[in-house]
Amino acid sequence: MEHIELFFKSIFIDNMVFATFLGMCSYLAVSKKVSTAVGLGAAVIFVLAITVPLNWLLDQYILQPGALGKWLGAEYSDYDLSFLSFIMFIATIATMVQLVEIVVEKFSPSLYNSLGIFLPLIAVNCAILGGSLFMQSREIATFGLAFNYGVSSGIGWFLAILAIAAIREKIRYSNVPAPLRGLGITFIITGLMAIGFMSFGGMLTGGDEEVKEEKTVLVQKEQIESEKIITSTEEKTEELANNTLKEEE
């Protein structure tokens, strides 16, 4: 259940583009064609799926205070390497992006040429680094959840750029006012889509309300039982007091 909740929450509620507006540079620049958007979106999913769990391992076993003591011995438990988080995360991301660039250039030269400079710029895409930093700040507990978060965050970014690319292809044949053509209408559509994605915020609250209702019912039952116990003890004390008075008389 935890994996399913994290998966849908990362795609729809905490979407990288529509909730935190990360990765907007490539989102706006490479969303003119659906085919190009699909290629870049797939690359982002791959990079996030690899870098987030890798950076989780780095955070758990190297960067956190006392992490070195878990596997090197108690004498290293006082070391704190958390100040290296940014440079370690960026090094991991740059390595994976270089791997993606080599693979795309080898197997799809046309996609490589259409992406142009934006493929290597994934290394400095704030959505990629944001995935690792959000993973660290939210204290994701396990490696599996970190992998789930990386994949789902990438899918959320992929859906965002795919949607805006499809809309921009249709807008070419629309009568858009001259001052809004290009990025102007794109920003307006992005804002409207972000408002639409905000409606998914209540998607995972139904279970919480049921849990709250169950908790209130349990609390009420406990209060009733405690009141019964108090009344029974009071009755017993009154009976004991009456018996003692009768014995004294």
Protein backbone atom coordinates (compact mmCIF):
# COMPACT_ATOMS: atom_id res chain seq x y z
CA MET A 1 0.00 0.00 0.00
CA GLU A 2 2.86 2.36 0.82
CA HIS A 3 4.43 1.80 -2.60
CA ILE A 4 1.13 2.41 -4.42
CA GLU A 5 0.44 5.58 -2.44
CA LEU A 6 3.95 6.95 -3.09
CA PHE A 7 3.69 6.05 -6.80
CA PHE A 8 0.43 7.93 -7.47
CA LYS A 9 1.31 10.78 -5.13
CA SER A 10 4.61 11.44 -6.93
CA ILE A 11 2.93 11.42 -10.36
CA PHE A 12 -0.22 13.44 -9.75
CA ILE A 13 0.01 15.32 -6.44
CA ASP A 14 3.73 16.13 -6.11
CA ASN A 15 4.34 16.40 -9.86
CA MET A 16 7.79 17.81 -10.61
CA VAL A 17 6.50 20.33 -13.16
CA PHE A 18 3.03 21.27 -11.93
CA ALA A 19 3.62 21.18 -8.16
CA THR A 20 7.22 22.38 -7.79
CA PHE A 21 7.90 23.80 -11.32
CA LEU A 22 11.23 21.99 -11.64
CA GLY A 23 12.81 21.24 -15.01
CA MET A 24 10.96 24.06 -16.76
CA CYS A 25 13.82 24.96 -19.13
CA SER A 26 13.78 21.67 -21.03
CA TYR A 27 10.01 21.36 -20.48
CA LEU A 28 9.45 24.54 -22.49
CA ALA A 29 12.24 24.13 -25.04
CA VAL A 30 11.78 20.49 -26.08
CA SER A 31 7.96 20.36 -26.05
CA LYS A 32 7.35 21.53 -29.62
CA LYS A 33 7.02 17.96 -30.98
CA VAL A 34 5.53 14.90 -29.30
CA SER A 35 8.26 12.59 -30.63
CA THR A 36 11.03 14.72 -29.14
CA ALA A 37 9.13 15.08 -25.86
CA VAL A 38 8.71 11.31 -25.61
CA GLY A 39 12.44 10.77 -26.11
CA LEU A 40 13.47 13.32 -23.50
CA GLY A 41 10.79 12.11 -21.08
CA ALA A 42 12.03 8.52 -21.38
CA ALA A 43 15.59 9.72 -20.73
CA VAL A 44 14.44 11.61 -17.61
CA ILE A 45 12.60 8.52 -16.31
CA PHE A 46 15.73 6.40 -16.81
CA VAL A 47 18.05 8.91 -15.14
CA LEU A 48 15.71 9.42 -12.14
CA ALA A 49 15.14 5.67 -11.77
CA ILE A 50 18.91 5.13 -11.50
CA THR A 51 20.13 8.23 -9.66
CA VAL A 52 17.53 8.43 -6.87
CA PRO A 53 18.20 4.91 -5.47
CA LEU A 54 21.95 5.32 -6.00
CA ASN A 55 21.91 8.62 -4.13
CA TRP A 56 19.78 6.95 -1.42
CA LEU A 57 22.60 4.45 -0.90
CA LEU A 58 25.15 7.27 -0.79
CA ASP A 59 23.02 9.16 1.72
CA GLN A 60 22.41 6.15 3.96
CA TYR A 61 25.92 4.70 4.04
CA ILE A 62 28.23 7.68 3.47
CA LEU A 63 26.67 11.13 3.81
CA GLN A 64 24.44 10.96 6.89
CA PRO A 65 25.98 11.73 10.31
CA GLY A 66 27.32 8.47 11.69
CA ALA A 67 26.63 6.56 8.46
CA LEU A 68 30.26 5.43 8.10
CA GLY A 69 30.04 3.75 11.49
CA LYS A 70 27.39 1.33 10.17
CA TRP A 71 29.89 -0.51 7.99
CA LEU A 72 33.39 0.74 8.86
CA GLY A 73 33.22 0.43 12.64
CA ALA A 74 32.29 2.47 15.68
CA GLU A 75 35.42 4.64 15.43
CA TYR A 76 33.98 6.28 12.27
CA SER A 77 30.54 7.01 13.75
CA ASP A 78 31.50 10.62 14.61
CA TYR A 79 32.17 11.59 10.97
CA ASP A 80 29.57 13.80 9.24
CA LEU A 81 29.89 14.06 5.45
CA SER A 82 26.49 15.62 4.80
CA PHE A 83 28.21 18.75 3.40
CA LEU A 84 29.18 16.63 0.38
CA SER A 85 25.56 15.85 -0.55
CA PHE A 86 25.28 18.25 -3.47
CA ILE A 87 28.57 17.35 -5.14
CA MET A 88 28.03 13.60 -4.69
CA PHE A 89 24.49 13.75 -6.05
CA ILE A 90 25.55 15.84 -9.05
CA ALA A 91 28.46 13.49 -9.79
CA THR A 92 26.09 10.50 -9.83
CA ILE A 93 23.62 12.35 -12.06
CA ALA A 94 26.33 13.48 -14.50
CA THR A 95 27.63 9.91 -14.81
CA MET A 96 24.18 8.52 -15.60
CA VAL A 97 23.42 11.32 -18.09
CA GLN A 98 26.67 10.59 -19.90
CA LEU A 99 25.64 6.95 -20.14
CA VAL A 100 22.21 7.91 -21.52
CA GLU A 101 23.81 10.24 -24.06
CA ILE A 102 26.11 7.47 -25.33
CA VAL A 103 23.22 5.00 -25.64
CA VAL A 104 20.91 7.46 -27.44
CA GLU A 105 23.65 8.53 -29.85
CA LYS A 106 24.40 4.88 -30.64
CA PHE A 107 20.87 3.56 -31.15
CA SER A 108 18.86 6.64 -32.21
CA PRO A 109 20.95 9.31 -33.98
CA SER A 110 17.83 11.16 -35.15
CA LEU A 111 16.55 11.54 -31.57
CA TYR A 112 20.04 12.54 -30.46
CA ASN A 113 20.15 15.31 -33.09
CA SER A 114 16.62 16.52 -32.29
CA LEU A 115 17.33 16.75 -28.55
CA GLY A 116 20.53 18.63 -29.23
CA ILE A 117 22.08 20.41 -26.27
CA PHE A 118 19.18 19.53 -23.95
CA LEU A 119 20.22 15.88 -23.59
CA PRO A 120 23.53 16.63 -21.84
CA LEU A 121 21.76 19.44 -19.98
CA ILE A 122 19.77 16.78 -18.10
CA ALA A 123 22.84 16.64 -15.85
CA VAL A 124 22.00 20.13 -14.58
CA ASN A 125 18.22 19.72 -14.83
CA CYS A 126 16.84 20.83 -11.48
CA ALA A 127 14.13 18.13 -11.66
CA ILE A 128 16.81 15.42 -11.61
CA LEU A 129 18.66 16.94 -8.67
CA GLY A 130 15.34 17.80 -7.01
CA GLY A 131 14.35 14.12 -7.05
CA SER A 132 17.41 13.18 -5.01
CA LEU A 133 17.07 16.16 -2.66
CA PHE A 134 13.36 15.46 -2.06
CA MET A 135 14.25 11.84 -1.38
CA GLN A 136 16.76 12.99 1.22
CA SER A 137 14.52 15.61 2.85
CA ARG A 138 11.48 13.31 3.03
CA GLU A 139 13.64 10.60 4.65
CA ILE A 140 12.47 7.78 2.40
CA ALA A 141 12.98 4.64 4.43
CA THR A 142 13.99 1.85 2.04
CA PHE A 143 15.83 1.30 -1.24
CA GLY A 144 12.63 0.01 -2.86
CA LEU A 145 10.72 3.16 -1.95
CA ALA A 146 13.58 5.28 -3.29
CA PHE A 147 13.46 3.41 -6.62
CA ASN A 148 9.67 3.77 -6.66
CA TYR A 149 9.97 7.51 -6.02
CA GLY A 150 12.55 7.93 -8.80
CA VAL A 151 10.45 6.08 -11.38
CA SER A 152 7.17 7.76 -10.42
CA SER A 153 8.72 11.24 -10.37
CA GLY A 154 10.13 10.60 -13.84
CA ILE A 155 6.75 9.40 -15.08
CA GLY A 156 5.13 12.55 -13.70
CA TRP A 157 7.63 14.73 -15.58
CA PHE A 158 7.13 12.60 -18.70
CA LEU A 159 3.34 13.04 -18.58
CA ALA A 160 3.74 16.79 -18.14
CA ILE A 161 6.03 17.31 -21.15
CA LEU A 162 3.98 14.86 -23.26
CA ALA A 163 0.75 16.72 -22.50
CA ILE A 164 2.16 20.17 -23.28
CA ALA A 165 3.81 18.88 -26.48
CA ALA A 166 0.51 17.44 -27.72
CA ILE A 167 -1.29 20.69 -26.93
CA ARG A 168 1.39 22.83 -28.61
CA GLU A 169 1.16 20.75 -31.78
CA LYS A 170 -2.59 21.44 -31.95
CA ILE A 171 -2.18 25.13 -31.07
CA ARG A 172 -0.20 25.71 -34.27
CA TYR A 173 -3.48 25.51 -36.20
CA SER A 174 -5.38 27.74 -33.75
CA ASN A 175 -5.92 31.47 -33.94
CA VAL A 176 -3.83 32.55 -30.94
CA PRO A 177 -3.54 36.32 -30.34
CA ALA A 178 -0.21 37.65 -31.56
CA PRO A 179 1.11 38.80 -28.14
CA LEU A 180 0.50 35.31 -26.67
CA ARG A 181 2.03 33.21 -29.42
CA GLY A 182 4.94 30.99 -28.44
CA LEU A 183 5.90 30.93 -24.77
CA GLY A 184 3.06 33.21 -23.69
CA ILE A 185 0.27 30.76 -24.40
CA THR A 186 2.51 27.90 -23.21
CA PHE A 187 2.88 29.50 -19.78
CA ILE A 188 -0.89 30.05 -19.55
CA ILE A 189 -1.61 26.43 -20.48
CA THR A 190 1.00 25.21 -18.00
CA GLY A 191 -0.65 27.23 -15.23
CA LEU A 192 -4.08 25.85 -16.09
CA MET A 193 -2.70 22.31 -16.15
CA ALA A 194 -1.08 22.90 -12.76
CA ILE A 195 -4.45 24.00 -11.37
CA GLY A 196 -5.98 20.85 -12.84
CA PHE A 197 -3.33 18.65 -11.22
CA MET A 198 -4.03 20.34 -7.87
CA SER A 199 -7.43 18.63 -7.93
CA PHE A 200 -5.63 15.30 -7.45
CA GLY A 201 -4.65 16.51 -3.98
CA GLY A 202 -7.76 14.93 -2.50
CA MET A 203 -7.20 11.60 -4.23
CA LEU A 204 -5.48 9.97 -1.23
CA THR A 205 -7.44 11.61 1.58
CA GLY A 206 -10.41 9.21 1.68
CA GLY A 207 -8.51 6.57 3.60
CA ASP A 208 -7.23 9.18 6.05
CA GLU A 209 -10.76 10.26 6.87
CA GLU A 210 -11.78 6.66 7.49
CA VAL A 211 -8.80 6.16 9.79
CA LYS A 212 -9.70 9.34 11.69
CA GLU A 213 -13.29 8.13 12.09
CA GLU A 214 -12.08 4.77 13.38
CA LYS A 215 -9.76 6.51 15.83
CA THR A 216 -12.57 8.74 17.13
CA VAL A 217 -14.83 5.70 17.59
CA LEU A 218 -12.08 3.89 19.50
CA VAL A 219 -11.47 6.94 21.69
CA GLN A 220 -15.19 7.21 22.46
CA LYS A 221 -15.34 3.52 23.37
CA GLU A 222 -12.32 3.91 25.65
CA GLN A 223 -13.93 6.92 27.33
CA ILE A 224 -17.18 5.00 27.91
CA GLU A 225 -15.30 2.02 29.34
CA SER A 226 -13.24 4.27 31.63
CA GLU A 227 -16.42 6.00 32.83
CA LYS A 228 -17.98 2.60 33.59
CA ILE A 229 -14.89 1.58 35.55
CA ILE A 230 -14.95 4.85 37.51
CA THR A 231 -18.65 4.51 38.33
CA SER A 232 -18.21 0.88 39.40
CA THR A 233 -15.29 1.79 41.69
CA GLU A 234 -17.31 4.65 43.17
CA GLU A 235 -20.23 2.28 43.86
CA LYS A 236 -17.89 -0.21 45.51
CA THR A 237 -16.37 2.46 47.73
CA GLU A 238 -19.84 3.64 48.75
CA GLU A 239 -20.85 0.08 49.62
CA LEU A 240 -17.68 -0.38 51.67
CA ALA A 241 -18.31 2.91 53.48
CA ASN A 242 -21.92 1.90 54.26
CA ASN A 243 -20.80 -1.51 55.52
CA THR A 244 -18.21 0.04 57.82
CA LEU A 245 -20.80 2.45 59.21
CA LYS A 246 -23.22 -0.42 59.89
CA GLU A 247 -20.49 -2.43 61.67
CA GLU A 248 -19.60 0.54 63.90
CA GLU A 249 -23.26 1.02 64.86
